[in-house]
């Protein structure tokens, strides 16, 4: 039997998953299959690729309302795995959980007490936490003899200095957990590890990582440790995102409540689902659609996105007291060369000189040889990070108190 782990990233109508074979003592887990189960209209689709990216399975069936999506999807994933990899001994399932609050600073084996605490954190990540929990519950039901491990997007940032962890509110709120948590930690961890392998001198220095996708944030990292993040108490803060607003004067929320008589639920829907690139452009949340559009609103949305990235870059460089490297990752960061070019042009004052040819080619290094600040494009892999954490947690028998 081959020792394996499954990773799960559950959303409201999709589950990203992967099957990894455990490596040797120091070897990283090897991806055997990567897939997506999703609801599209009235259909439920299952698409799976091998570790090299070639499609190896695709199936579609009509939606069955009596079967909850997460439970039914995991049953199909399990059935496929048993047929395709009968010798795979799945020892654990690792779950991406967006919010760990102040409780969880490292991955933990899921117990009933852990689940209770995760549910308490739902108000801090209403767009993600309920679905992460639903994925855990469905996996417990589908694989009752397999350990479930929760891996947290906030954990990487829990060593922030106090000044980057606090809001200027009465101290009792900080003590109750109203803090700047930061997110996308699993992605940042992976990038730190990759940078240590490909450019160890830069990894030991002052680095700003821009995770740019449908969710977007930036992080100041010194010697592999998170110093500051653009995101705060929830995944709404900082950069504008696909459908989320990013940084917003809290007075706007008061205005919407007092003058527009909007309920908390309506405001949450506005800020999480109707704002960002989608709201500002009136076209789409997808950067590819915006770049292809000739509507001025689409171009203005891109301009604002770029402006906020540049503003955060300057601020995070100040936090680090200088900058040695910049890393772009995430769907936009890895593929949208025009966005990267707009972000970096005119940044000579922090030592950046762009190599336009390398940038257009999405090369690993897109700064010129003369650039004092090195600029990298590194594809992130949160699933690989979850797999590593999951194996380590199971091997160590980690459980929350």
Foldseek 3Di string as FASTA:
>chain_A
DFEWAKEWEFFPFKIWMWIWTPDPPPDFTQTQKTWMWGDDPQKTKIWMAGSVGHTDDIDIDGHDVVDDRLLVVVLVVVVVCCVPPVPYDHQAYFYEAADDFLQDLAKAWDDPVSLVSLVVCCVQEVRGSVRSSVNVVSCCVNPVNHIYMYGYFQNLQPVADPVQWDDPDPVVVVVVRQTFRAGNNLQLLQVLVVCCVVPVVQSQAWEKEWAAEQQTKIFIDHHSGTHHIQGGSHSQAAAFHLQAAHHDDVVVVVCCCPVVVDDPVRVCCNHRGHHGLCNQQVFGSHLVRLVPDPDVSSVVSLVRRLVRLLVVVVVSCVSRVAHAEYEFEHPCSQQVLVSVCSNQPPVCVRQFAFQSVCSNVSHQWGGDPRGRHTYGYDYTDSNSSSRVSGVVCVVVVGHRD
